[in-house]
């Protein structure tokens, strides 16, 4: 199986679907002439032309609204935000428009649109460019929220998102665009709403999604060296959340640690913890623990960023706590 970059996997997903359906188009800042801010759309203008790969002004509110209107009229837009921090300018269109049009029209209009771009921190970009909004968008009925952690998942999930009849928030990471991974050459789709057990284990369940899976996987490797066998689950989608896969794992391991980059209050980790204690309380041998980002705006200084973010050491410590390992 060939290895390609995360950005290439996203590009292939868009190209393959756009070749099959001329109603699909890409729109956003610098997606055309500049080949994309992160080179995700490199070469797409040459292949599909300026009517289907469209550069926009710096006006997220405007081009998000144009995309929603075109989706209501039979097109299938892919709207790229340079980061989801900038989607806040368009959040009225997404929340009060895309998410609600199906129900408010009594089913007369669907909105098959994908909003995609990077989420979370990308290094020393400080508070306004480093925020995680996965839980914000997941809180809104009418939206689906996808956060892939590797190139293969990114391609399969984006292809499914493009074909989905409902609006999908597709969240990537600036720090992952250059990551390489094995991606099948044949056509494939990954169902939205299905988590994946990426490592079998018997002692504790580790749950994460998106680029934080790098932290989760590193912690699992370290624990393995100490004879602790963690089962690792990549949620992949945070609306809908695949609770069944998590609960089935907890029933086997009896312990749960959830890792998420976002602020603690109202997080995806909180929702997963609530659901597990509600439906699998009798299987738990220890309280559920969360490893979260700091409850402050992300600092600029690299030393403070390191303190803010989850890391493998924090995860290993939490696992030992739920396993009552004191040494």
C-alpha atoms as a PDB file:
ATOM      1  CA  UNK A   1       0.000   0.000   0.000  1.00  0.00           C
ATOM      2  CA  UNK A   2       1.392   3.428  -0.929  1.00  0.00           C
ATOM      3  CA  UNK A   3       2.186   6.144   1.609  1.00  0.00           C
ATOM      4  CA  UNK A   4       0.923   9.671   0.981  1.00  0.00           C
ATOM      5  CA  UNK A   5       0.624  12.857   2.982  1.00  0.00           C
ATOM      6  CA  UNK A   6      -2.504  13.886   4.873  1.00  0.00           C
ATOM      7  CA  UNK A   7      -2.967  16.841   2.483  1.00  0.00           C
ATOM      8  CA  UNK A   8      -2.694  14.510  -0.511  1.00  0.00           C
ATOM      9  CA  UNK A   9      -5.325  12.170   0.941  1.00  0.00           C
ATOM     10  CA  UNK A  10      -7.735  15.096   1.329  1.00  0.00           C
ATOM     11  CA  UNK A  11      -6.978  16.254  -2.209  1.00  0.00           C
ATOM     12  CA  UNK A  12      -7.609  12.789  -3.637  1.00  0.00           C
ATOM     13  CA  UNK A  13     -10.949  12.598  -1.827  1.00  0.00           C
ATOM     14  CA  UNK A  14     -12.109  15.884  -3.352  1.00  0.00           C
ATOM     15  CA  UNK A  15     -10.738  15.107  -6.815  1.00  0.00           C
ATOM     16  CA  UNK A  16     -12.326  11.661  -6.995  1.00  0.00           C
ATOM     17  CA  UNK A  17     -15.765  12.935  -6.053  1.00  0.00           C
ATOM     18  CA  UNK A  18     -15.521  16.060  -8.243  1.00  0.00           C
ATOM     19  CA  UNK A  19     -14.630  13.919 -11.259  1.00  0.00           C
ATOM     20  CA  UNK A  20     -17.826  11.921 -10.759  1.00  0.00           C
ATOM     21  CA  UNK A  21     -20.193  14.838 -10.065  1.00  0.00           C
ATOM     22  CA  UNK A  22     -19.915  18.286 -11.616  1.00  0.00           C
ATOM     23  CA  UNK A  23     -22.229  19.687  -8.922  1.00  0.00           C
ATOM     24  CA  UNK A  24     -19.383  19.460  -6.395  1.00  0.00           C
ATOM     25  CA  UNK A  25     -17.125  22.499  -6.114  1.00  0.00           C
ATOM     26  CA  UNK A  26     -14.474  23.915  -3.750  1.00  0.00           C
ATOM     27  CA  UNK A  27     -14.560  27.501  -2.477  1.00  0.00           C
ATOM     28  CA  UNK A  28     -12.454  29.443   0.011  1.00  0.00           C
ATOM     29  CA  UNK A  29      -9.545  31.799   0.525  1.00  0.00           C
ATOM     30  CA  UNK A  30      -6.511  30.988  -1.647  1.00  0.00           C
ATOM     31  CA  UNK A  31      -7.824  27.561  -2.701  1.00  0.00           C
ATOM     32  CA  UNK A  32      -7.322  28.241  -6.426  1.00  0.00           C
ATOM     33  CA  UNK A  33      -4.473  30.443  -7.680  1.00  0.00           C
ATOM     34  CA  UNK A  34      -2.312  29.791  -4.604  1.00  0.00           C
ATOM     35  CA  UNK A  35      -3.091  26.040  -4.566  1.00  0.00           C
ATOM     36  CA  UNK A  36      -4.466  26.288  -1.034  1.00  0.00           C
ATOM     37  CA  UNK A  37      -2.974  27.855   2.089  1.00  0.00           C
ATOM     38  CA  UNK A  38      -1.704  24.388   3.053  1.00  0.00           C
ATOM     39  CA  UNK A  39      -1.458  23.078  -0.530  1.00  0.00           C
ATOM     40  CA  UNK A  40      -4.418  20.744  -0.030  1.00  0.00           C
ATOM     41  CA  UNK A  41      -5.986  21.902  -3.309  1.00  0.00           C
ATOM     42  CA  UNK A  42      -2.753  21.936  -5.314  1.00  0.00           C
ATOM     43  CA  UNK A  43      -3.452  21.412  -9.015  1.00  0.00           C
ATOM     44  CA  UNK A  44      -7.225  21.422  -8.628  1.00  0.00           C
ATOM     45  CA  UNK A  45      -7.719  24.764 -10.391  1.00  0.00           C
ATOM     46  CA  UNK A  46      -5.873  23.413 -13.441  1.00  0.00           C
ATOM     47  CA  UNK A  47      -8.028  20.287 -13.508  1.00  0.00           C
ATOM     48  CA  UNK A  48     -11.486  21.680 -12.713  1.00  0.00           C
ATOM     49  CA  UNK A  49     -11.303  25.334 -13.717  1.00  0.00           C
ATOM     50  CA  UNK A  50     -12.246  28.589 -12.020  1.00  0.00           C
ATOM     51  CA  UNK A  51     -15.975  27.813 -11.879  1.00  0.00           C
ATOM     52  CA  UNK A  52     -15.388  24.808  -9.603  1.00  0.00           C
ATOM     53  CA  UNK A  53     -12.310  25.879  -7.632  1.00  0.00           C
ATOM     54  CA  UNK A  54     -13.137  29.379  -6.485  1.00  0.00           C
ATOM     55  CA  UNK A  55     -10.985  31.938  -4.690  1.00  0.00           C
ATOM     56  CA  UNK A  56     -12.910  34.220  -2.334  1.00  0.00           C
ATOM     57  CA  UNK A  57     -12.301  37.506  -0.565  1.00  0.00           C
ATOM     58  CA  UNK A  58     -11.491  37.357   3.165  1.00  0.00           C
ATOM     59  CA  UNK A  59     -15.188  37.158   4.014  1.00  0.00           C
ATOM     60  CA  UNK A  60     -16.143  33.895   5.729  1.00  0.00           C
ATOM     61  CA  UNK A  61     -19.668  35.105   6.451  1.00  0.00           C
ATOM     62  CA  UNK A  62     -20.177  35.819   2.768  1.00  0.00           C
ATOM     63  CA  UNK A  63     -18.785  32.704   1.136  1.00  0.00           C
ATOM     64  CA  UNK A  64     -20.296  30.389   3.767  1.00  0.00           C
ATOM     65  CA  UNK A  65     -23.698  31.906   2.974  1.00  0.00           C
ATOM     66  CA  UNK A  66     -23.144  31.541  -0.765  1.00  0.00           C
ATOM     67  CA  UNK A  67     -22.240  27.902  -0.221  1.00  0.00           C
ATOM     68  CA  UNK A  68     -25.363  27.210   1.832  1.00  0.00           C
ATOM     69  CA  UNK A  69     -27.602  28.887  -0.749  1.00  0.00           C
ATOM     70  CA  UNK A  70     -26.042  26.891  -3.570  1.00  0.00           C
ATOM     71  CA  UNK A  71     -26.450  23.656  -1.590  1.00  0.00           C
ATOM     72  CA  UNK A  72     -30.152  24.414  -1.143  1.00  0.00           C
ATOM     73  CA  UNK A  73     -30.359  24.701  -4.925  1.00  0.00           C
ATOM     74  CA  UNK A  74     -28.779  21.370  -5.794  1.00  0.00           C
ATOM     75  CA  UNK A  75     -25.016  21.885  -5.654  1.00  0.00           C
ATOM     76  CA  UNK A  76     -22.589  20.206  -3.249  1.00  0.00           C
ATOM     77  CA  UNK A  77     -20.092  22.808  -2.015  1.00  0.00           C
ATOM     78  CA  UNK A  78     -16.880  22.174  -0.087  1.00  0.00           C
ATOM     79  CA  UNK A  79     -16.123  25.335   1.872  1.00  0.00           C
ATOM     80  CA  UNK A  80     -12.559  25.682   3.148  1.00  0.00           C
ATOM     81  CA  UNK A  81     -11.825  27.857   6.158  1.00  0.00           C
ATOM     82  CA  UNK A  82      -8.162  28.813   6.503  1.00  0.00           C
ATOM     83  CA  UNK A  83      -8.703  27.789  10.117  1.00  0.00           C
ATOM     84  CA  UNK A  84     -11.845  27.094  12.108  1.00  0.00           C
ATOM     85  CA  UNK A  85     -10.907  30.066  14.272  1.00  0.00           C
ATOM     86  CA  UNK A  86     -12.060  32.149  11.323  1.00  0.00           C
ATOM     87  CA  UNK A  87     -15.311  30.183  11.035  1.00  0.00           C
ATOM     88  CA  UNK A  88     -16.587  32.224  13.980  1.00  0.00           C
ATOM     89  CA  UNK A  89     -17.167  35.035  11.491  1.00  0.00           C
ATOM     90  CA  UNK A  90     -19.518  32.659   9.655  1.00  0.00           C
ATOM     91  CA  UNK A  91     -20.999  30.845  12.644  1.00  0.00           C
ATOM     92  CA  UNK A  92     -24.428  32.436  12.194  1.00  0.00           C
ATOM     93  CA  UNK A  93     -24.613  31.012   8.673  1.00  0.00           C
ATOM     94  CA  UNK A  94     -23.539  27.565   9.903  1.00  0.00           C
ATOM     95  CA  UNK A  95     -25.651  27.332  13.078  1.00  0.00           C
ATOM     96  CA  UNK A  96     -28.727  29.363  12.142  1.00  0.00           C
ATOM     97  CA  UNK A  97     -28.553  28.475   8.462  1.00  0.00           C
ATOM     98  CA  UNK A  98     -27.012  25.168   7.404  1.00  0.00           C
ATOM     99  CA  UNK A  99     -27.874  23.228  10.572  1.00  0.00           C
ATOM    100  CA  UNK A 100     -31.538  24.270  10.700  1.00  0.00           C
ATOM    101  CA  UNK A 101     -32.778  24.624   7.137  1.00  0.00           C
ATOM    102  CA  UNK A 102     -33.836  20.979   6.802  1.00  0.00           C
ATOM    103  CA  UNK A 103     -36.049  21.075   9.898  1.00  0.00           C
ATOM    104  CA  UNK A 104     -37.303  24.646   9.414  1.00  0.00           C
ATOM    105  CA  UNK A 105     -38.336  23.907   5.823  1.00  0.00           C
ATOM    106  CA  UNK A 106     -40.184  20.760   6.827  1.00  0.00           C
ATOM    107  CA  UNK A 107     -37.772  18.664   4.782  1.00  0.00           C
ATOM    108  CA  UNK A 108     -38.204  20.709   1.596  1.00  0.00           C
ATOM    109  CA  UNK A 109     -34.534  21.732   1.529  1.00  0.00           C
ATOM    110  CA  UNK A 110     -31.439  19.722   2.336  1.00  0.00           C
ATOM    111  CA  UNK A 111     -27.994  21.278   2.718  1.00  0.00           C
ATOM    112  CA  UNK A 112     -25.315  18.882   1.403  1.00  0.00           C
ATOM    113  CA  UNK A 113     -22.296  21.010   2.285  1.00  0.00           C
ATOM    114  CA  UNK A 114     -18.872  20.345   3.822  1.00  0.00           C
ATOM    115  CA  UNK A 115     -17.094  22.986   5.879  1.00  0.00           C
ATOM    116  CA  UNK A 116     -13.462  21.919   6.217  1.00  0.00           C
ATOM    117  CA  UNK A 117     -10.149  23.270   7.500  1.00  0.00           C
ATOM    118  CA  UNK A 118      -7.738  23.026  10.444  1.00  0.00           C
ATOM    119  CA  UNK A 119      -8.694  23.112  14.126  1.00  0.00           C
ATOM    120  CA  UNK A 120      -6.718  23.408  17.370  1.00  0.00           C
ATOM    121  CA  UNK A 121      -3.225  24.652  18.060  1.00  0.00           C
ATOM    122  CA  UNK A 122      -0.459  24.726  15.482  1.00  0.00           C
ATOM    123  CA  UNK A 123       2.408  25.939  17.618  1.00  0.00           C
ATOM    124  CA  UNK A 124       3.189  29.499  18.630  1.00  0.00           C
ATOM    125  CA  UNK A 125       0.098  31.163  17.117  1.00  0.00           C
ATOM    126  CA  UNK A 126      -1.331  32.354  20.442  1.00  0.00           C
ATOM    127  CA  UNK A 127      -4.905  32.525  21.646  1.00  0.00           C
ATOM    128  CA  UNK A 128      -6.990  33.606  18.660  1.00  0.00           C
ATOM    129  CA  UNK A 129      -5.546  31.066  16.210  1.00  0.00           C
ATOM    130  CA  UNK A 130      -5.291  27.957  18.394  1.00  0.00           C
ATOM    131  CA  UNK A 131      -8.801  27.071  19.507  1.00  0.00           C
ATOM    132  CA  UNK A 132     -10.689  23.786  19.393  1.00  0.00           C
ATOM    133  CA  UNK A 133     -14.321  24.167  18.368  1.00  0.00           C
ATOM    134  CA  UNK A 134     -15.199  20.500  17.841  1.00  0.00           C
ATOM    135  CA  UNK A 135     -17.473  20.476  20.896  1.00  0.00           C
ATOM    136  CA  UNK A 136     -19.085  23.798  19.906  1.00  0.00           C
ATOM    137  CA  UNK A 137     -20.234  22.491  16.542  1.00  0.00           C
ATOM    138  CA  UNK A 138     -21.024  19.030  17.911  1.00  0.00           C
ATOM    139  CA  UNK A 139     -23.444  20.690  20.321  1.00  0.00           C
ATOM    140  CA  UNK A 140     -25.685  21.796  17.430  1.00  0.00           C
ATOM    141  CA  UNK A 141     -28.369  19.410  16.077  1.00  0.00           C
ATOM    142  CA  UNK A 142     -28.330  19.264  12.291  1.00  0.00           C
ATOM    143  CA  UNK A 143     -24.554  19.122  11.941  1.00  0.00           C
ATOM    144  CA  UNK A 144     -22.189  16.166  11.712  1.00  0.00           C
ATOM    145  CA  UNK A 145     -18.658  16.709  13.006  1.00  0.00           C
ATOM    146  CA  UNK A 146     -15.710  14.643  11.751  1.00  0.00           C
ATOM    147  CA  UNK A 147     -12.129  14.852  13.104  1.00  0.00           C
ATOM    148  CA  UNK A 148      -9.767  12.361  11.379  1.00  0.00           C
ATOM    149  CA  UNK A 149      -6.373  11.432  12.812  1.00  0.00           C
ATOM    150  CA  UNK A 150      -4.521   9.924   9.817  1.00  0.00           C
ATOM    151  CA  UNK A 151      -4.425  10.125   6.005  1.00  0.00           C
ATOM    152  CA  UNK A 152      -6.443   6.946   5.312  1.00  0.00           C
ATOM    153  CA  UNK A 153      -9.278   7.971   7.602  1.00  0.00           C
ATOM    154  CA  UNK A 154      -9.157  11.523   6.264  1.00  0.00           C
ATOM    155  CA  UNK A 155      -9.713  10.366   2.686  1.00  0.00           C
ATOM    156  CA  UNK A 156     -12.451   7.845   3.423  1.00  0.00           C
ATOM    157  CA  UNK A 157     -14.326  10.141   5.777  1.00  0.00           C
ATOM    158  CA  UNK A 158     -14.087  13.191   3.500  1.00  0.00           C
ATOM    159  CA  UNK A 159     -15.477  11.222   0.573  1.00  0.00           C
ATOM    160  CA  UNK A 160     -18.415  10.180   2.761  1.00  0.00           C
ATOM    161  CA  UNK A 161     -18.862  13.753   3.996  1.00  0.00           C
ATOM    162  CA  UNK A 162     -19.026  15.109   0.442  1.00  0.00           C
ATOM    163  CA  UNK A 163     -21.816  12.644  -0.415  1.00  0.00           C
ATOM    164  CA  UNK A 164     -23.717  13.185   2.841  1.00  0.00           C
ATOM    165  CA  UNK A 165     -27.116  14.888   2.452  1.00  0.00           C
ATOM    166  CA  UNK A 166     -26.537  16.950   5.612  1.00  0.00           C
ATOM    167  CA  UNK A 167     -23.982  19.638   6.523  1.00  0.00           C
ATOM    168  CA  UNK A 168     -20.682  18.218   7.776  1.00  0.00           C
ATOM    169  CA  UNK A 169     -18.007  20.021   9.774  1.00  0.00           C
ATOM    170  CA  UNK A 170     -14.719  18.385   8.768  1.00  0.00           C
ATOM    171  CA  UNK A 171     -11.863  19.370  11.086  1.00  0.00           C
ATOM    172  CA  UNK A 172      -8.211  18.788  10.258  1.00  0.00           C
ATOM    173  CA  UNK A 173      -4.911  20.066  11.744  1.00  0.00           C
ATOM    174  CA  UNK A 174      -2.158  22.281  10.407  1.00  0.00           C
ATOM    175  CA  UNK A 175       0.311  20.032  12.217  1.00  0.00           C
ATOM    176  CA  UNK A 176      -0.892  16.940  10.335  1.00  0.00           C
ATOM    177  CA  UNK A 177      -0.948  18.060   6.686  1.00  0.00           C
ATOM    178  CA  UNK A 178       2.592  16.755   6.145  1.00  0.00           C
ATOM    179  CA  UNK A 179       2.025  13.487   8.029  1.00  0.00           C
ATOM    180  CA  UNK A 180       2.404  10.377   5.889  1.00  0.00           C
ATOM    181  CA  UNK A 181       0.366   7.217   6.158  1.00  0.00           C
ATOM    182  CA  UNK A 182      -0.748   4.199   4.162  1.00  0.00           C
ATOM    183  CA  UNK A 183      -3.786   4.919   1.996  1.00  0.00           C
ATOM    184  CA  UNK A 184      -5.489   2.322  -0.232  1.00  0.00           C
ATOM    185  CA  UNK A 185      -5.391   2.989  -3.968  1.00  0.00           C
ATOM    186  CA  UNK A 186      -8.809   1.461  -4.555  1.00  0.00           C
ATOM    187  CA  UNK A 187     -12.013   3.412  -3.970  1.00  0.00           C
ATOM    188  CA  UNK A 188     -13.283   3.284  -0.401  1.00  0.00           C
ATOM    189  CA  UNK A 189     -15.550   5.173   1.979  1.00  0.00           C
ATOM    190  CA  UNK A 190     -15.578   5.267   5.788  1.00  0.00           C
ATOM    191  CA  UNK A 191     -18.944   5.520   7.479  1.00  0.00           C
ATOM    192  CA  UNK A 192     -19.478   8.674   9.495  1.00  0.00           C
ATOM    193  CA  UNK A 193     -20.254   7.920  13.143  1.00  0.00           C
ATOM    194  CA  UNK A 194     -18.131   4.785  13.584  1.00  0.00           C
ATOM    195  CA  UNK A 195     -15.153   4.776  15.960  1.00  0.00           C
ATOM    196  CA  UNK A 196     -12.168   2.512  15.398  1.00  0.00           C
ATOM    197  CA  UNK A 197     -10.309   0.338  17.880  1.00  0.00           C
ATOM    198  CA  UNK A 198      -6.740   0.972  16.756  1.00  0.00           C
ATOM    199  CA  UNK A 199      -5.087  -1.199  19.411  1.00  0.00           C
ATOM    200  CA  UNK A 200      -6.510  -4.110  21.386  1.00  0.00           C
ATOM    201  CA  UNK A 201      -5.890  -4.183  25.128  1.00  0.00           C
ATOM    202  CA  UNK A 202      -7.207  -5.548  28.396  1.00  0.00           C
ATOM    203  CA  UNK A 203      -6.179  -3.179  31.197  1.00  0.00           C
ATOM    204  CA  UNK A 204      -7.534   0.276  30.369  1.00  0.00           C
ATOM    205  CA  UNK A 205      -9.407   2.035  27.559  1.00  0.00           C
ATOM    206  CA  UNK A 206      -7.833   5.166  26.038  1.00  0.00           C
ATOM    207  CA  UNK A 207     -10.127   7.360  23.911  1.00  0.00           C
ATOM    208  CA  UNK A 208      -9.182  10.319  21.713  1.00  0.00           C
ATOM    209  CA  UNK A 209      -9.695  11.859  18.270  1.00  0.00           C
ATOM    210  CA  UNK A 210      -7.863  14.026  15.748  1.00  0.00           C
ATOM    211  CA  UNK A 211      -4.199  14.872  16.124  1.00  0.00           C
ATOM    212  CA  UNK A 212      -4.341  14.130  19.884  1.00  0.00           C
ATOM    213  CA  UNK A 213      -4.238  10.458  18.843  1.00  0.00           C
ATOM    214  CA  UNK A 214      -0.477  10.955  18.478  1.00  0.00           C
ATOM    215  CA  UNK A 215      -0.358  11.593  22.227  1.00  0.00           C
ATOM    216  CA  UNK A 216      -2.669   8.653  22.947  1.00  0.00           C
ATOM    217  CA  UNK A 217      -0.632   6.259  20.801  1.00  0.00           C
ATOM    218  CA  UNK A 218       2.655   7.383  22.326  1.00  0.00           C
ATOM    219  CA  UNK A 219       1.225   6.845  25.821  1.00  0.00           C
ATOM    220  CA  UNK A 220      -0.047   3.389  24.872  1.00  0.00           C
ATOM    221  CA  UNK A 221       3.427   2.426  23.618  1.00  0.00           C
ATOM    222  CA  UNK A 222       5.024   3.619  26.843  1.00  0.00           C
ATOM    223  CA  UNK A 223       2.469   1.726  28.939  1.00  0.00           C
ATOM    224  CA  UNK A 224       3.127  -1.434  26.936  1.00  0.00           C
ATOM    225  CA  UNK A 225       6.771  -1.276  27.990  1.00  0.00           C
ATOM    226  CA  UNK A 226       5.600  -1.368  31.596  1.00  0.00           C
ATOM    227  CA  UNK A 227       3.280  -4.320  31.050  1.00  0.00           C
ATOM    228  CA  UNK A 228       0.063  -2.279  30.913  1.00  0.00           C
ATOM    229  CA  UNK A 229      -2.033  -3.195  27.882  1.00  0.00           C
ATOM    230  CA  UNK A 230      -4.195  -0.264  26.817  1.00  0.00           C
ATOM    231  CA  UNK A 231      -7.041  -0.550  24.341  1.00  0.00           C
ATOM    232  CA  UNK A 232      -6.994   2.523  22.091  1.00  0.00           C
ATOM    233  CA  UNK A 233     -10.107   3.977  20.452  1.00  0.00           C
ATOM    234  CA  UNK A 234     -10.097   6.737  17.822  1.00  0.00           C
ATOM    235  CA  UNK A 235     -13.578   8.303  17.825  1.00  0.00           C
ATOM    236  CA  UNK A 236     -13.067   9.775  14.309  1.00  0.00           C
ATOM    237  CA  UNK A 237     -16.500  11.434  14.556  1.00  0.00           C
ATOM    238  CA  UNK A 238     -17.708  13.555  17.495  1.00  0.00           C
ATOM    239  CA  UNK A 239     -21.254  14.007  16.226  1.00  0.00           C
ATOM    240  CA  UNK A 240     -22.566  11.396  16.185  1.00  0.00           C
ATOM    241  CA  UNK A 241     -20.363   9.774  18.848  1.00  0.00           C
ATOM    242  CA  UNK A 242     -19.977   6.004  18.672  1.00  0.00           C
ATOM    243  CA  UNK A 243     -20.712   5.305  22.329  1.00  0.00           C
ATOM    244  CA  UNK A 244     -21.265   1.595  21.709  1.00  0.00           C
ATOM    245  CA  UNK A 245     -17.628   0.954  20.773  1.00  0.00           C
ATOM    246  CA  UNK A 246     -16.384   2.832  23.847  1.00  0.00           C
ATOM    247  CA  UNK A 247     -18.795   1.064  26.212  1.00  0.00           C
ATOM    248  CA  UNK A 248     -17.939  -2.360  24.785  1.00  0.00           C
ATOM    249  CA  UNK A 249     -14.274  -1.648  25.468  1.00  0.00           C
ATOM    250  CA  UNK A 250     -14.906  -0.381  29.005  1.00  0.00           C
ATOM    251  CA  UNK A 251     -16.869  -3.540  29.779  1.00  0.00           C
ATOM    252  CA  UNK A 252     -13.688  -5.431  28.908  1.00  0.00           C
ATOM    253  CA  UNK A 253     -11.051  -3.199  30.548  1.00  0.00           C
ATOM    254  CA  UNK A 254     -13.112  -1.669  33.409  1.00  0.00           C
ATOM    255  CA  UNK A 255     -11.151   1.597  33.235  1.00  0.00           C
ATOM    256  CA  UNK A 256     -11.340   4.680  31.009  1.00  0.00           C
ATOM    257  CA  UNK A 257      -9.086   7.661  30.310  1.00  0.00           C
ATOM    258  CA  UNK A 258     -10.186  10.212  27.691  1.00  0.00           C
ATOM    259  CA  UNK A 259      -7.731  12.600  26.043  1.00  0.00           C
ATOM    260  CA  UNK A 260      -8.800  15.816  24.309  1.00  0.00           C
ATOM    261  CA  UNK A 261      -7.053  19.073  23.392  1.00  0.00           C
ATOM    262  CA  UNK A 262     -10.052  21.301  24.079  1.00  0.00           C
ATOM    263  CA  UNK A 263     -10.959  23.301  27.177  1.00  0.00           C
ATOM    264  CA  UNK A 264     -12.471  21.113  29.941  1.00  0.00           C
ATOM    265  CA  UNK A 265     -15.953  22.620  30.340  1.00  0.00           C
ATOM    266  CA  UNK A 266     -18.595  21.108  28.051  1.00  0.00           C
ATOM    267  CA  UNK A 267     -16.069  18.947  26.222  1.00  0.00           C
ATOM    268  CA  UNK A 268     -16.524  15.812  24.127  1.00  0.00           C
ATOM    269  CA  UNK A 269     -14.671  13.976  26.915  1.00  0.00           C
ATOM    270  CA  UNK A 270     -17.359  15.100  29.370  1.00  0.00           C
ATOM    271  CA  UNK A 271     -20.095  13.665  27.160  1.00  0.00           C
ATOM    272  CA  UNK A 272     -18.298  10.342  26.747  1.00  0.00           C
ATOM    273  CA  UNK A 273     -17.656  10.122  30.496  1.00  0.00           C
ATOM    274  CA  UNK A 274     -21.321  10.805  31.273  1.00  0.00           C
ATOM    275  CA  UNK A 275     -22.575   8.204  28.810  1.00  0.00           C
ATOM    276  CA  UNK A 276     -20.175   5.521  30.091  1.00  0.00           C
ATOM    277  CA  UNK A 277     -21.038   6.093  33.758  1.00  0.00           C
ATOM    278  CA  UNK A 278     -24.738   6.015  32.845  1.00  0.00           C
ATOM    279  CA  UNK A 279     -24.691   2.848  30.747  1.00  0.00           C
ATOM    280  CA  UNK A 280     -21.666   0.951  32.101  1.00  0.00           C
ATOM    281  CA  UNK A 281     -21.342   2.123  35.711  1.00  0.00           C
ATOM    282  CA  UNK A 282     -21.254  -1.400  37.151  1.00  0.00           C
ATOM    283  CA  UNK A 283     -18.280  -2.267  34.946  1.00  0.00           C
ATOM    284  CA  UNK A 284     -16.065   0.576  36.175  1.00  0.00           C
ATOM    285  CA  UNK A 285     -13.346  -0.294  38.683  1.00  0.00           C
ATOM    286  CA  UNK A 286     -12.135   3.309  38.973  1.00  0.00           C
ATOM    287  CA  UNK A 287     -13.411   6.838  38.274  1.00  0.00           C
ATOM    288  CA  UNK A 288     -13.154   7.992  34.651  1.00  0.00           C
ATOM    289  CA  UNK A 289     -10.321  10.493  34.120  1.00  0.00           C
ATOM    290  CA  UNK A 290      -9.905  13.160  31.439  1.00  0.00           C
ATOM    291  CA  UNK A 291      -6.674  14.698  30.165  1.00  0.00           C
ATOM    292  CA  UNK A 292      -7.637  18.072  28.688  1.00  0.00           C
ATOM    293  CA  UNK A 293      -6.083  21.286  27.461  1.00  0.00           C
ATOM    294  CA  UNK A 294      -5.692  24.107  29.956  1.00  0.00           C
ATOM    295  CA  UNK A 295      -8.707  26.128  31.053  1.00  0.00           C
ATOM    296  CA  UNK A 296      -7.160  29.346  29.701  1.00  0.00           C
ATOM    297  CA  UNK A 297      -6.599  30.906  26.269  1.00  0.00           C
ATOM    298  CA  UNK A 298      -3.620  29.165  24.670  1.00  0.00           C
ATOM    299  CA  UNK A 299      -0.430  31.115  25.511  1.00  0.00           C
ATOM    300  CA  UNK A 300       2.216  32.145  22.993  1.00  0.00           C
ATOM    301  CA  UNK A 301       5.323  31.041  24.898  1.00  0.00           C
ATOM    302  CA  UNK A 302       6.414  27.494  23.956  1.00  0.00           C
ATOM    303  CA  UNK A 303       7.027  26.545  27.594  1.00  0.00           C
ATOM    304  CA  UNK A 304       3.469  27.519  28.500  1.00  0.00           C
ATOM    305  CA  UNK A 305       2.071  25.715  25.437  1.00  0.00           C
ATOM    306  CA  UNK A 306       3.831  22.550  26.605  1.00  0.00           C
ATOM    307  CA  UNK A 307       2.235  22.934  30.019  1.00  0.00           C
ATOM    308  CA  UNK A 308      -1.195  23.626  28.481  1.00  0.00           C
ATOM    309  CA  UNK A 309      -1.424  20.659  26.123  1.00  0.00           C
ATOM    310  CA  UNK A 310      -2.015  16.969  26.898  1.00  0.00           C
ATOM    311  CA  UNK A 311       1.133  14.885  26.584  1.00  0.00           C
ATOM    312  CA  UNK A 312       2.028  11.184  26.911  1.00  0.00           C
ATOM    313  CA  UNK A 313       3.397  11.658  30.419  1.00  0.00           C
ATOM    314  CA  UNK A 314       0.088  13.057  31.659  1.00  0.00           C
ATOM    315  CA  UNK A 315      -1.789  10.164  30.059  1.00  0.00           C
ATOM    316  CA  UNK A 316       0.531   7.536  31.551  1.00  0.00           C
ATOM    317  CA  UNK A 317       0.104   9.125  34.980  1.00  0.00           C
ATOM    318  CA  UNK A 318      -3.701   9.067  34.628  1.00  0.00           C
ATOM    319  CA  UNK A 319      -3.681   5.419  33.553  1.00  0.00           C
ATOM    320  CA  UNK A 320      -1.631   4.447  36.578  1.00  0.00           C
ATOM    321  CA  UNK A 321      -4.054   6.398  38.752  1.00  0.00           C
ATOM    322  CA  UNK A 322      -7.111   4.515  37.474  1.00  0.00           C
ATOM    323  CA  UNK A 323      -5.181   1.239  37.837  1.00  0.00           C
ATOM    324  CA  UNK A 324      -4.125   2.166  41.383  1.00  0.00           C
ATOM    325  CA  UNK A 325      -0.462   1.747  40.484  1.00  0.00           C
ATOM    326  CA  UNK A 326       1.459   3.753  43.069  1.00  0.00           C
ATOM    327  CA  UNK A 327       5.086   3.142  42.111  1.00  0.00           C
END
